[in-house]
C-alpha atoms as a PDB file:
ATOM      1  CA  MET A   1       0.492   0.808  28.755  1.00  0.00           C
ATOM      2  CA  PRO A   2      -1.866   3.699  27.937  1.00  0.00           C
ATOM      3  CA  ALA A   3      -5.491   3.495  29.061  1.00  0.00           C
ATOM      4  CA  HIS A   4      -6.666   4.472  25.558  1.00  0.00           C
ATOM      5  CA  LEU A   5      -5.215   4.414  22.043  1.00  0.00           C
ATOM      6  CA  ASP A   6      -6.241   6.974  19.439  1.00  0.00           C
ATOM      7  CA  PRO A   7      -7.625   5.056  16.417  1.00  0.00           C
ATOM      8  CA  ARG A   8      -5.814   7.552  14.169  1.00  0.00           C
ATOM      9  CA  LEU A   9      -2.492   6.204  15.443  1.00  0.00           C
ATOM     10  CA  LEU A  10      -3.535   2.643  14.697  1.00  0.00           C
ATOM     11  CA  ARG A  11      -4.673   3.647  11.211  1.00  0.00           C
ATOM     12  CA  ALA A  12      -1.298   5.277  10.571  1.00  0.00           C
ATOM     13  CA  PHE A  13       0.482   2.122  11.759  1.00  0.00           C
ATOM     14  CA  VAL A  14      -1.615  -0.203   9.572  1.00  0.00           C
ATOM     15  CA  ALA A  15      -1.107   1.950   6.466  1.00  0.00           C
ATOM     16  CA  VAL A  16       2.681   1.906   6.890  1.00  0.00           C
ATOM     17  CA  ALA A  17       2.655  -1.803   7.759  1.00  0.00           C
ATOM     18  CA  GLU A  18       0.774  -2.613   4.555  1.00  0.00           C
ATOM     19  CA  GLU A  19       2.649  -0.244   2.261  1.00  0.00           C
ATOM     20  CA  LEU A  20       6.082  -0.569   3.943  1.00  0.00           C
ATOM     21  CA  HIS A  21       6.672   2.923   2.589  1.00  0.00           C
ATOM     22  CA  PHE A  22       5.912   6.157   4.471  1.00  0.00           C
ATOM     23  CA  THR A  23       5.274   8.295   1.372  1.00  0.00           C
ATOM     24  CA  ARG A  24       2.783   5.845  -0.132  1.00  0.00           C
ATOM     25  CA  ALA A  25       1.083   5.369   3.236  1.00  0.00           C
ATOM     26  CA  ALA A  26       0.726   9.149   3.666  1.00  0.00           C
ATOM     27  CA  ALA A  27      -0.854   9.503   0.215  1.00  0.00           C
ATOM     28  CA  ARG A  28      -3.222   6.642   1.007  1.00  0.00           C
ATOM     29  CA  LEU A  29      -4.386   8.375   4.193  1.00  0.00           C
ATOM     30  CA  TYR A  30      -4.442  11.882   2.651  1.00  0.00           C
ATOM     31  CA  VAL A  31      -2.072  13.237   5.297  1.00  0.00           C
ATOM     32  CA  ALA A  32       1.355  14.827   5.211  1.00  0.00           C
ATOM     33  CA  GLN A  33       4.286  12.425   5.535  1.00  0.00           C
ATOM     34  CA  GLN A  34       5.621  14.387   8.503  1.00  0.00           C
ATOM     35  CA  ALA A  35       2.274  14.003  10.296  1.00  0.00           C
ATOM     36  CA  LEU A  36       2.207  10.274   9.571  1.00  0.00           C
ATOM     37  CA  SER A  37       5.730   9.776  10.918  1.00  0.00           C
ATOM     38  CA  ARG A  38       4.806  11.767  14.015  1.00  0.00           C
ATOM     39  CA  ASP A  39       1.763   9.546  14.639  1.00  0.00           C
ATOM     40  CA  VAL A  40       3.803   6.358  14.274  1.00  0.00           C
ATOM     41  CA  ARG A  41       6.441   7.645  16.702  1.00  0.00           C
ATOM     42  CA  ARG A  42       3.721   8.608  19.193  1.00  0.00           C
ATOM     43  CA  LEU A  43       2.202   5.115  18.968  1.00  0.00           C
ATOM     44  CA  GLU A  44       5.623   3.572  19.561  1.00  0.00           C
ATOM     45  CA  ARG A  45       6.100   5.763  22.638  1.00  0.00           C
ATOM     46  CA  GLU A  46       2.671   4.922  24.025  1.00  0.00           C
ATOM     47  CA  LEU A  47       3.179   1.185  23.533  1.00  0.00           C
ATOM     48  CA  GLY A  48       6.809   1.255  24.604  1.00  0.00           C
ATOM     49  CA  ALA A  49       7.784  -0.768  21.529  1.00  0.00           C
ATOM     50  CA  GLU A  50       9.595  -0.203  18.255  1.00  0.00           C
ATOM     51  CA  LEU A  51       7.190  -1.166  15.479  1.00  0.00           C
ATOM     52  CA  PHE A  52       9.320  -0.570  12.370  1.00  0.00           C
ATOM     53  CA  ALA A  53      12.954  -0.999  11.476  1.00  0.00           C
ATOM     54  CA  ARG A  54      13.799   1.913   9.194  1.00  0.00           C
ATOM     55  CA  THR A  55      16.762   2.321   6.870  1.00  0.00           C
ATOM     56  CA  THR A  56      17.365   4.680   3.963  1.00  0.00           C
ATOM     57  CA  ARG A  57      16.286   1.905   1.596  1.00  0.00           C
ATOM     58  CA  GLN A  58      13.437   0.079   3.277  1.00  0.00           C
ATOM     59  CA  VAL A  59      10.896  -0.112   6.082  1.00  0.00           C
ATOM     60  CA  VAL A  60      10.159  -3.468   7.697  1.00  0.00           C
ATOM     61  CA  LEU A  61       8.013  -4.584  10.607  1.00  0.00           C
ATOM     62  CA  THR A  62       9.726  -5.552  13.829  1.00  0.00           C
ATOM     63  CA  PRO A  63       8.480  -8.583  15.797  1.00  0.00           C
ATOM     64  CA  ASP A  64       6.410  -6.196  17.960  1.00  0.00           C
ATOM     65  CA  GLY A  65       4.997  -4.654  14.794  1.00  0.00           C
ATOM     66  CA  GLU A  66       4.053  -8.076  13.451  1.00  0.00           C
ATOM     67  CA  ARG A  67       2.354  -8.866  16.775  1.00  0.00           C
ATOM     68  CA  LEU A  68       0.380  -5.601  16.804  1.00  0.00           C
ATOM     69  CA  LEU A  69      -0.867  -5.738  13.201  1.00  0.00           C
ATOM     70  CA  PRO A  70      -3.758  -8.232  13.562  1.00  0.00           C
ATOM     71  CA  TYR A  71      -4.993  -6.494  16.738  1.00  0.00           C
ATOM     72  CA  ALA A  72      -4.867  -3.085  15.034  1.00  0.00           C
ATOM     73  CA  ARG A  73      -6.771  -4.371  12.004  1.00  0.00           C
ATOM     74  CA  ARG A  74      -9.529  -5.853  14.158  1.00  0.00           C
ATOM     75  CA  ALA A  75      -9.840  -2.634  16.178  1.00  0.00           C
ATOM     76  CA  LEU A  76     -10.111  -0.502  13.033  1.00  0.00           C
ATOM     77  CA  ASP A  77     -12.593  -2.881  11.416  1.00  0.00           C
ATOM     78  CA  ALA A  78     -14.799  -2.576  14.498  1.00  0.00           C
ATOM     79  CA  GLN A  79     -14.542   1.219  14.425  1.00  0.00           C
ATOM     80  CA  ASP A  80     -15.368   1.360  10.699  1.00  0.00           C
ATOM     81  CA  GLU A  81     -18.367  -0.911  11.252  1.00  0.00           C
ATOM     82  CA  LEU A  82     -19.628   1.322  14.062  1.00  0.00           C
ATOM     83  CA  LEU A  83     -19.167   4.531  12.067  1.00  0.00           C
ATOM     84  CA  ALA A  84     -20.817   3.054   9.007  1.00  0.00           C
ATOM     85  CA  ALA A  85     -23.820   1.928  11.048  1.00  0.00           C
ATOM     86  CA  PHE A  86     -24.392   5.439  12.375  1.00  0.00           C
ATOM     87  CA  GLY A  87     -23.181   7.319   9.299  1.00  0.00           C
ATOM     88  CA  GLN A  88     -25.651   5.576   7.010  1.00  0.00           C
ATOM     89  CA  ALA A  89     -28.461   6.980   9.135  1.00  0.00           C
ATOM     90  CA  ARG A  90     -27.754  10.537   7.997  1.00  0.00           C
ATOM     91  CA  PRO A  91     -26.215  12.364   5.027  1.00  0.00           C
ATOM     92  CA  LEU A  92     -22.768  13.930   4.961  1.00  0.00           C
ATOM     93  CA  LEU A  93     -23.432  17.693   5.183  1.00  0.00           C
ATOM     94  CA  VAL A  94     -20.972  19.777   3.149  1.00  0.00           C
ATOM     95  CA  ASP A  95     -20.968  23.572   3.100  1.00  0.00           C
ATOM     96  CA  LEU A  96     -20.180  25.154  -0.292  1.00  0.00           C
ATOM     97  CA  ASN A  97     -20.328  28.755   1.019  1.00  0.00           C
ATOM     98  CA  SER A  98     -22.374  30.107  -1.915  1.00  0.00           C
ATOM     99  CA  PRO A  99     -24.225  28.406  -4.799  1.00  0.00           C
ATOM    100  CA  GLY A 100     -22.134  30.070  -7.519  1.00  0.00           C
ATOM    101  CA  LEU A 101     -18.652  29.071  -6.327  1.00  0.00           C
ATOM    102  CA  ASP A 102     -17.078  26.412  -8.530  1.00  0.00           C
ATOM    103  CA  THR A 103     -14.458  24.666  -6.375  1.00  0.00           C
ATOM    104  CA  GLY A 104     -16.680  23.146  -3.704  1.00  0.00           C
ATOM    105  CA  ARG A 105     -19.466  22.391  -6.160  1.00  0.00           C
ATOM    106  CA  ARG A 106     -17.171  20.343  -8.403  1.00  0.00           C
ATOM    107  CA  VAL A 107     -15.640  18.459  -5.468  1.00  0.00           C
ATOM    108  CA  LEU A 108     -19.119  17.626  -4.193  1.00  0.00           C
ATOM    109  CA  HIS A 109     -20.262  16.341  -7.591  1.00  0.00           C
ATOM    110  CA  ARG A 110     -17.140  14.175  -7.929  1.00  0.00           C
ATOM    111  CA  ALA A 111     -17.600  12.761  -4.415  1.00  0.00           C
ATOM    112  CA  ARG A 112     -21.165  11.764  -5.298  1.00  0.00           C
ATOM    113  CA  GLU A 113     -19.801   9.888  -8.316  1.00  0.00           C
ATOM    114  CA  LEU A 114     -17.251   8.088  -6.134  1.00  0.00           C
ATOM    115  CA  ALA A 115     -19.778   7.161  -3.427  1.00  0.00           C
ATOM    116  CA  PRO A 116     -23.205   6.871  -5.101  1.00  0.00           C
ATOM    117  CA  GLU A 117     -24.469   4.652  -2.280  1.00  0.00           C
ATOM    118  CA  HIS A 118     -24.174   7.497   0.238  1.00  0.00           C
ATOM    119  CA  GLU A 119     -26.109  10.746   0.529  1.00  0.00           C
ATOM    120  CA  ILE A 120     -23.900  13.853   0.388  1.00  0.00           C
ATOM    121  CA  MET A 121     -25.876  17.065   0.752  1.00  0.00           C
ATOM    122  CA  ALA A 122     -24.879  20.677   0.111  1.00  0.00           C
ATOM    123  CA  ARG A 123     -25.318  23.516   2.564  1.00  0.00           C
ATOM    124  CA  TYR A 124     -24.640  27.229   2.016  1.00  0.00           C
ATOM    125  CA  GLU A 125     -23.302  28.937   5.142  1.00  0.00           C
ATOM    126  CA  SER A 126     -21.770  31.926   3.247  1.00  0.00           C
ATOM    127  CA  GLY A 127     -18.370  31.751   4.934  1.00  0.00           C
ATOM    128  CA  LEU A 128     -15.901  29.508   6.722  1.00  0.00           C
ATOM    129  CA  GLY A 129     -15.938  31.664   9.849  1.00  0.00           C
ATOM    130  CA  HIS A 130     -19.570  30.748  10.489  1.00  0.00           C
ATOM    131  CA  ALA A 131     -19.246  27.196   9.152  1.00  0.00           C
ATOM    132  CA  ALA A 132     -16.439  26.468  11.641  1.00  0.00           C
ATOM    133  CA  GLY A 133     -18.819  26.955  14.554  1.00  0.00           C
ATOM    134  CA  GLU A 134     -21.439  24.791  12.874  1.00  0.00           C
ATOM    135  CA  MET A 135     -18.890  22.010  12.346  1.00  0.00           C
ATOM    136  CA  LEU A 136     -17.738  22.089  15.952  1.00  0.00           C
ATOM    137  CA  ALA A 137     -21.363  21.992  17.093  1.00  0.00           C
ATOM    138  CA  GLY A 138     -21.963  18.877  14.960  1.00  0.00           C
ATOM    139  CA  ARG A 139     -24.526  20.565  12.710  1.00  0.00           C
ATOM    140  CA  LEU A 140     -22.216  20.455   9.680  1.00  0.00           C
ATOM    141  CA  ASP A 141     -19.519  17.991   8.625  1.00  0.00           C
ATOM    142  CA  ALA A 142     -17.215  19.853   6.238  1.00  0.00           C
ATOM    143  CA  SER A 143     -16.752  23.184   4.503  1.00  0.00           C
ATOM    144  CA  PHE A 144     -14.470  25.012   2.078  1.00  0.00           C
ATOM    145  CA  GLY A 145     -12.478  28.162   2.704  1.00  0.00           C
ATOM    146  CA  ARG A 146      -9.349  29.856   3.956  1.00  0.00           C
ATOM    147  CA  TYR A 147      -8.277  27.709   6.893  1.00  0.00           C
ATOM    148  CA  ALA A 148      -5.341  29.980   7.879  1.00  0.00           C
ATOM    149  CA  GLY A 149      -7.792  32.865   8.338  1.00  0.00           C
ATOM    150  CA  LEU A 150      -9.567  31.146  11.229  1.00  0.00           C
ATOM    151  CA  ASP A 151      -8.788  31.880  14.857  1.00  0.00           C
ATOM    152  CA  PRO A 152      -6.007  29.540  16.090  1.00  0.00           C
ATOM    153  CA  VAL A 153      -8.382  28.246  18.779  1.00  0.00           C
ATOM    154  CA  LEU A 154     -10.731  27.042  16.020  1.00  0.00           C
ATOM    155  CA  ARG A 155      -7.901  25.664  13.892  1.00  0.00           C
ATOM    156  CA  ALA A 156      -6.783  23.517  16.824  1.00  0.00           C
ATOM    157  CA  ARG A 157     -10.121  21.663  16.717  1.00  0.00           C
ATOM    158  CA  LEU A 158     -10.343  21.401  12.934  1.00  0.00           C
ATOM    159  CA  ASP A 159      -8.282  19.808  10.192  1.00  0.00           C
ATOM    160  CA  HIS A 160      -7.902  20.674   6.530  1.00  0.00           C
ATOM    161  CA  GLN A 161      -6.718  19.575   3.124  1.00  0.00           C
ATOM    162  CA  LEU A 162      -5.489  22.196   0.666  1.00  0.00           C
ATOM    163  CA  VAL A 163      -7.594  22.071  -2.500  1.00  0.00           C
ATOM    164  CA  ARG A 164      -6.869  25.145  -4.587  1.00  0.00           C
ATOM    165  CA  TYR A 165      -5.069  28.450  -4.921  1.00  0.00           C
ATOM    166  CA  GLU A 166      -7.929  30.426  -6.473  1.00  0.00           C
ATOM    167  CA  PRO A 167      -7.053  33.671  -8.314  1.00  0.00           C
ATOM    168  CA  MET A 168      -8.827  36.697  -6.917  1.00  0.00           C
ATOM    169  CA  ALA A 169     -10.837  39.226  -8.851  1.00  0.00           C
ATOM    170  CA  LEU A 170     -13.065  42.293  -8.603  1.00  0.00           C
ATOM    171  CA  LEU A 171     -16.797  42.433  -9.115  1.00  0.00           C
ATOM    172  CA  LEU A 172     -17.433  45.827 -10.762  1.00  0.00           C
ATOM    173  CA  PRO A 173     -20.476  47.760 -11.981  1.00  0.00           C
ATOM    174  CA  GLU A 174     -20.453  47.790 -15.773  1.00  0.00           C
ATOM    175  CA  GLU A 175     -20.070  51.585 -15.765  1.00  0.00           C
ATOM    176  CA  HIS A 176     -17.044  51.555 -13.433  1.00  0.00           C
ATOM    177  CA  PRO A 177     -13.868  52.908 -15.148  1.00  0.00           C
ATOM    178  CA  LEU A 178     -11.921  49.725 -14.296  1.00  0.00           C
ATOM    179  CA  ALA A 179     -14.567  47.570 -15.988  1.00  0.00           C
ATOM    180  CA  ALA A 180     -13.083  48.510 -19.356  1.00  0.00           C
ATOM    181  CA  LEU A 181      -9.887  46.605 -18.482  1.00  0.00           C
ATOM    182  CA  SER A 182      -9.527  42.877 -19.178  1.00  0.00           C
ATOM    183  CA  ALA A 183      -7.547  42.559 -15.921  1.00  0.00           C
ATOM    184  CA  VAL A 184      -7.046  45.040 -13.084  1.00  0.00           C
ATOM    185  CA  PRO A 185      -3.497  45.719 -11.797  1.00  0.00           C
ATOM    186  CA  LEU A 186      -3.454  46.131  -8.036  1.00  0.00           C
ATOM    187  CA  ASP A 187      -1.738  49.492  -8.431  1.00  0.00           C
ATOM    188  CA  ALA A 188      -4.819  50.740 -10.284  1.00  0.00           C
ATOM    189  CA  LEU A 189      -6.789  50.394  -7.042  1.00  0.00           C
ATOM    190  CA  ALA A 190      -4.591  52.830  -5.094  1.00  0.00           C
ATOM    191  CA  GLY A 191      -6.768  55.490  -3.490  1.00  0.00           C
ATOM    192  CA  THR A 192      -9.966  53.439  -3.844  1.00  0.00           C
ATOM    193  CA  THR A 193     -12.141  51.598  -1.347  1.00  0.00           C
ATOM    194  CA  VAL A 194     -13.042  47.937  -1.906  1.00  0.00           C
ATOM    195  CA  TYR A 195     -15.813  45.988  -0.221  1.00  0.00           C
ATOM    196  CA  ALA A 196     -14.512  42.749   1.373  1.00  0.00           C
ATOM    197  CA  GLY A 197     -17.247  41.685   3.749  1.00  0.00           C
ATOM    198  CA  ALA A 198     -16.240  43.808   6.726  1.00  0.00           C
ATOM    199  CA  GLY A 199     -18.895  43.489   9.399  1.00  0.00           C
ATOM    200  CA  ASN A 200     -20.137  40.135   8.092  1.00  0.00           C
ATOM    201  CA  PRO A 201     -19.687  37.714  11.026  1.00  0.00           C
ATOM    202  CA  ARG A 202     -19.761  34.765   8.618  1.00  0.00           C
ATOM    203  CA  THR A 203     -16.661  35.756   6.629  1.00  0.00           C
ATOM    204  CA  PRO A 204     -13.951  37.235   8.898  1.00  0.00           C
ATOM    205  CA  GLU A 205     -11.295  35.117   7.140  1.00  0.00           C
ATOM    206  CA  TRP A 206     -12.112  36.868   3.823  1.00  0.00           C
ATOM    207  CA  THR A 207     -11.909  40.368   5.298  1.00  0.00           C
ATOM    208  CA  ASP A 208      -8.600  39.431   6.925  1.00  0.00           C
ATOM    209  CA  LEU A 209      -7.270  38.284   3.530  1.00  0.00           C
ATOM    210  CA  ALA A 210      -8.248  41.636   2.011  1.00  0.00           C
ATOM    211  CA  HIS A 211      -6.482  43.599   4.745  1.00  0.00           C
ATOM    212  CA  ARG A 212      -3.309  41.562   4.204  1.00  0.00           C
ATOM    213  CA  LEU A 213      -3.486  42.053   0.435  1.00  0.00           C
ATOM    214  CA  PHE A 214      -4.167  45.796   0.522  1.00  0.00           C
ATOM    215  CA  ASP A 215      -1.773  46.686   3.346  1.00  0.00           C
ATOM    216  CA  GLY A 216       0.814  49.202   2.129  1.00  0.00           C
ATOM    217  CA  ARG A 217      -0.800  49.560  -1.298  1.00  0.00           C
ATOM    218  CA  GLY A 218      -2.996  52.590  -0.556  1.00  0.00           C
ATOM    219  CA  ILE A 219      -6.191  50.532  -0.921  1.00  0.00           C
ATOM    220  CA  ALA A 220      -8.861  50.787   1.765  1.00  0.00           C
ATOM    221  CA  VAL A 221     -11.260  48.089   2.909  1.00  0.00           C
ATOM    222  CA  SER A 222     -14.754  49.536   3.147  1.00  0.00           C
ATOM    223  CA  PRO A 223     -16.050  49.885   6.714  1.00  0.00           C
ATOM    224  CA  PRO A 224     -18.526  47.403   8.196  1.00  0.00           C
ATOM    225  CA  ALA A 225     -21.877  47.431   6.470  1.00  0.00           C
ATOM    226  CA  PRO A 226     -25.211  45.755   7.200  1.00  0.00           C
ATOM    227  CA  LEU A 227     -25.317  42.165   5.995  1.00  0.00           C
ATOM    228  CA  ALA A 228     -27.107  42.028   2.642  1.00  0.00           C
ATOM    229  CA  VAL A 229     -29.162  38.861   2.268  1.00  0.00           C
ATOM    230  CA  GLY A 230     -29.891  37.808  -1.311  1.00  0.00           C
ATOM    231  CA  ASP A 231     -28.597  39.006  -4.674  1.00  0.00           C
ATOM    232  CA  GLU A 232     -31.127  41.836  -4.956  1.00  0.00           C
ATOM    233  CA  GLU A 233     -30.124  43.417  -1.653  1.00  0.00           C
ATOM    234  CA  PHE A 234     -26.433  42.910  -2.421  1.00  0.00           C
ATOM    235  CA  GLN A 235     -26.791  44.638  -5.807  1.00  0.00           C
ATOM    236  CA  ARG A 236     -28.696  47.516  -4.222  1.00  0.00           C
ATOM    237  CA  LEU A 237     -25.977  48.177  -1.658  1.00  0.00           C
ATOM    238  CA  MET A 238     -23.265  47.761  -4.289  1.00  0.00           C
ATOM    239  CA  ALA A 239     -24.956  50.352  -6.498  1.00  0.00           C
ATOM    240  CA  LYS A 240     -25.416  52.675  -3.529  1.00  0.00           C
ATOM    241  CA  THR A 241     -21.756  52.683  -2.487  1.00  0.00           C
ATOM    242  CA  GLY A 242     -20.155  52.232  -5.901  1.00  0.00           C
ATOM    243  CA  HIS A 243     -17.352  50.214  -4.303  1.00  0.00           C
ATOM    244  CA  PRO A 244     -15.708  47.360  -6.205  1.00  0.00           C
ATOM    245  CA  VAL A 245     -16.205  44.008  -4.473  1.00  0.00           C
ATOM    246  CA  LEU A 246     -13.324  41.630  -3.781  1.00  0.00           C
ATOM    247  CA  ALA A 247     -14.169  38.210  -5.246  1.00  0.00           C
ATOM    248  CA  VAL A 248     -12.594  35.220  -7.017  1.00  0.00           C
ATOM    249  CA  VAL A 249     -12.393  34.583 -10.741  1.00  0.00           C
ATOM    250  CA  ASP A 250     -15.126  31.925 -10.651  1.00  0.00           C
ATOM    251  CA  PHE A 251     -17.617  34.261  -9.001  1.00  0.00           C
ATOM    252  CA  ALA A 252     -20.721  34.542 -11.173  1.00  0.00           C
ATOM    253  CA  ALA A 253     -21.310  38.138 -12.268  1.00  0.00           C
ATOM    254  CA  LEU A 254     -24.637  39.630 -11.277  1.00  0.00           C
ATOM    255  CA  PRO A 255     -26.787  41.564 -13.768  1.00  0.00           C
ATOM    256  CA  GLY A 256     -25.168  44.913 -14.528  1.00  0.00           C
ATOM    257  CA  THR A 257     -21.746  43.805 -13.248  1.00  0.00           C
ATOM    258  CA  VAL A 258     -18.524  42.283 -14.615  1.00  0.00           C
ATOM    259  CA  VAL A 259     -15.786  40.175 -13.016  1.00  0.00           C
ATOM    260  CA  ARG A 260     -12.184  41.195 -13.718  1.00  0.00           C
ATOM    261  CA  PRO A 261      -9.121  39.260 -12.484  1.00  0.00           C
ATOM    262  CA  LEU A 262      -6.533  41.049 -10.353  1.00  0.00           C
ATOM    263  CA  VAL A 263      -2.905  41.019 -11.561  1.00  0.00           C
ATOM    264  CA  ASP A 264       0.584  42.373 -10.832  1.00  0.00           C
ATOM    265  CA  PRO A 265       0.792  40.400  -8.588  1.00  0.00           C
ATOM    266  CA  VAL A 266      -1.906  37.747  -8.936  1.00  0.00           C
ATOM    267  CA  PRO A 267      -3.462  37.478  -5.460  1.00  0.00           C
ATOM    268  CA  LEU A 268      -4.528  33.939  -4.580  1.00  0.00           C
ATOM    269  CA  SER A 269      -7.198  32.791  -2.181  1.00  0.00           C
ATOM    270  CA  PRO A 270      -6.106  29.467  -0.601  1.00  0.00           C
ATOM    271  CA  VAL A 271      -9.144  27.169  -0.495  1.00  0.00           C
ATOM    272  CA  SER A 272      -9.088  24.131   1.780  1.00  0.00           C
ATOM    273  CA  LEU A 273     -11.523  21.376   2.558  1.00  0.00           C
ATOM    274  CA  VAL A 274     -12.043  21.801   6.313  1.00  0.00           C
ATOM    275  CA  TRP A 275     -13.622  19.407   8.814  1.00  0.00           C
ATOM    276  CA  ARG A 276     -13.813  18.849  12.545  1.00  0.00           C
ATOM    277  CA  ARG A 277     -11.180  16.512  13.920  1.00  0.00           C
ATOM    278  CA  GLY A 278     -12.421  13.015  14.561  1.00  0.00           C
ATOM    279  CA  LEU A 279     -15.111  13.194  11.868  1.00  0.00           C
ATOM    280  CA  GLY A 280     -16.308   9.724  10.943  1.00  0.00           C
ATOM    281  CA  HIS A 281     -18.686   9.123   8.032  1.00  0.00           C
ATOM    282  CA  PRO A 282     -18.576   6.475   5.291  1.00  0.00           C
ATOM    283  CA  ALA A 283     -18.721   9.151   2.564  1.00  0.00           C
ATOM    284  CA  PHE A 284     -15.972  11.342   4.004  1.00  0.00           C
ATOM    285  CA  ASP A 285     -13.100   9.442   2.360  1.00  0.00           C
ATOM    286  CA  ALA A 286     -14.812   9.916  -1.009  1.00  0.00           C
ATOM    287  CA  LEU A 287     -15.023  13.663  -0.378  1.00  0.00           C
ATOM    288  CA  ARG A 288     -11.295  13.882   0.413  1.00  0.00           C
ATOM    289  CA  ARG A 289     -10.397  11.694  -2.548  1.00  0.00           C
ATOM    290  CA  ALA A 290     -12.526  13.844  -4.861  1.00  0.00           C
ATOM    291  CA  ALA A 291     -10.791  17.010  -3.630  1.00  0.00           C
ATOM    292  CA  ALA A 292      -7.297  15.544  -4.080  1.00  0.00           C
ATOM    293  CA  ASP A 293      -8.039  14.108  -7.527  1.00  0.00           C
ATOM    294  CA  LEU A 294      -9.534  17.336  -8.859  1.00  0.00           C
ATOM    295  CA  SER A 295      -6.677  19.387  -7.408  1.00  0.00           C
ATOM    296  CA  ALA A 296      -4.168  17.247  -9.299  1.00  0.00           C
ATOM    297  CA  ALA A 297      -6.183  16.927 -12.507  1.00  0.00           C
ATOM    298  CA  GLU A 298      -7.014  20.638 -12.785  1.00  0.00           C
ATOM    299  CA  GLY A 299      -3.670  21.990 -11.584  1.00  0.00           C
ATOM    300  CA  TRP A 300      -5.360  23.767  -8.704  1.00  0.00           C
ATOM    301  CA  TRP A 301      -2.157  23.682  -6.633  1.00  0.00           C
ATOM    302  CA  ARG A 302      -0.132  25.496  -9.284  1.00  0.00           C
ATOM    303  CA  ARG A 303       0.761  29.074  -8.510  1.00  0.00           C
ATOM    304  CA  PRO A 304       1.775  31.661 -11.130  1.00  0.00           C
ATOM    305  CA  GLU A 305       5.241  33.160 -10.830  1.00  0.00           C
ATOM    306  CA  THR A 306       3.651  36.440  -9.783  1.00  0.00           C
ATOM    307  CA  GLY A 307       1.241  34.752  -7.364  1.00  0.00           C
ATOM    308  CA  TRP A 308       0.737  36.186  -3.868  1.00  0.00           C
ATOM    309  CA  ILE A 309      -0.573  34.654  -0.652  1.00  0.00           C
ATOM    310  CA  PRO A 310      -0.084  35.837   2.950  1.00  0.00           C
ATOM    311  CA  ASP A 311       2.861  34.468   4.904  1.00  0.00           C
ATOM    312  CA  ILE A 312       0.552  32.793   7.411  1.00  0.00           C
ATOM    313  CA  ASP A 313      -1.183  30.847   4.631  1.00  0.00           C
ATOM    314  CA  GLU A 314       2.195  29.857   3.187  1.00  0.00           C
ATOM    315  CA  SER A 315       3.177  28.436   6.558  1.00  0.00           C
ATOM    316  CA  VAL A 316      -0.098  26.661   7.350  1.00  0.00           C
ATOM    317  CA  ASN A 317      -0.576  25.160   3.874  1.00  0.00           C
ATOM    318  CA  SER A 318       2.997  24.215   2.966  1.00  0.00           C
ATOM    319  CA  VAL A 319       2.921  20.757   4.546  1.00  0.00           C
ATOM    320  CA  HIS A 320      -0.350  19.799   2.879  1.00  0.00           C
ATOM    321  CA  HIS A 321       0.703  21.197  -0.492  1.00  0.00           C
ATOM    322  CA  GLY A 322       3.955  19.260  -0.436  1.00  0.00           C
ATOM    323  CA  ASN A 323       2.148  16.005   0.262  1.00  0.00           C
ATOM    324  CA  PHE A 324      -0.658  16.268  -2.269  1.00  0.00           C
ATOM    325  CA  ALA A 325       1.108  18.030  -5.135  1.00  0.00           C
ATOM    326  CA  ASN A 326       2.845  14.829  -6.186  1.00  0.00           C
ATOM    327  CA  ARG A 327      -0.139  12.541  -5.720  1.00  0.00           C
ATOM    328  CA  PRO A 328      -1.039  10.776  -9.009  1.00  0.00           C
ATOM    329  CA  THR A 329      -4.334  11.627 -10.652  1.00  0.00           C
ATOM    330  CA  SER A 330      -6.933   8.865 -10.555  1.00  0.00           C
ATOM    331  CA  ARG A 331      -7.602   6.965 -13.771  1.00  0.00           C
ATOM    332  CA  ALA A 332     -11.265   8.013 -13.686  1.00  0.00           C
ATOM    333  CA  LEU A 333     -10.340  11.694 -13.929  1.00  0.00           C
ATOM    334  CA  ARG A 334      -7.707  11.163 -16.625  1.00  0.00           C
ATOM    335  CA  SER A 335     -10.131   9.375 -18.920  1.00  0.00           C
END
């Protein structure tokens, strides 16, 4: 017998035991079916017992599974009670990167509707690269951003849920020649330099995405620049260099600028809800549920035929996308 059992394994077992269906249990826990099956197999190995009898048509509890179920429920109830006691003493801290970005803001608002009894507070860390360190240090609970762009060492200590493939765009001065276009083909940027946060220690995942997008297209990423704090300083540096700025379509244009979507192909920024592994807070389930419901209701997982994402993002996100894409939309969001 193992000296310790990971509560996550017990939670996986209880979900399957109550649903008697791996797909439904995975949707209930907001995890990929493959990950759920892996956790159940690990629990069976650690206990040295077969917990489920599986066929192509049904899943049933074995006698050992029946014996474990009441113990597992009591253990999880005790854990939930402990987490709730400590979680209620502080708010859930969620980083939205920047005040003007729509995805995280809408998920946060929906989570507050789902869990009005809990305090969920916004933070603005400006980038997932910086927020990852804050999460691992316990100063932040969750954030939004490009999970695949993080260092693998960080990814190993974090988990994520794909929320949206967000179309990318350019922020341009109104007098820029490309500002006259309703959408900017990537080929039109050949020979130009685009600002993508190089040198900003808070957003290395964004600069990496730009390098992957522009590679082989004759588009340069502007060299590292001093970090501009505040809209006024950002506009001043933008006017000084004249470089277009890589952004997303929901980015709020600043005075004297316009936002134009990129096309041919349509580059997509994969946005995930990211949190440190083992996070326990009574409002966290509401945050994950809000993200999944909005993704389904708004079609945030859909990708245009000409959509582009890096291969590494395709690999990292494919399991999560496959699990959540078929999840039904909640009645509250359909009404």
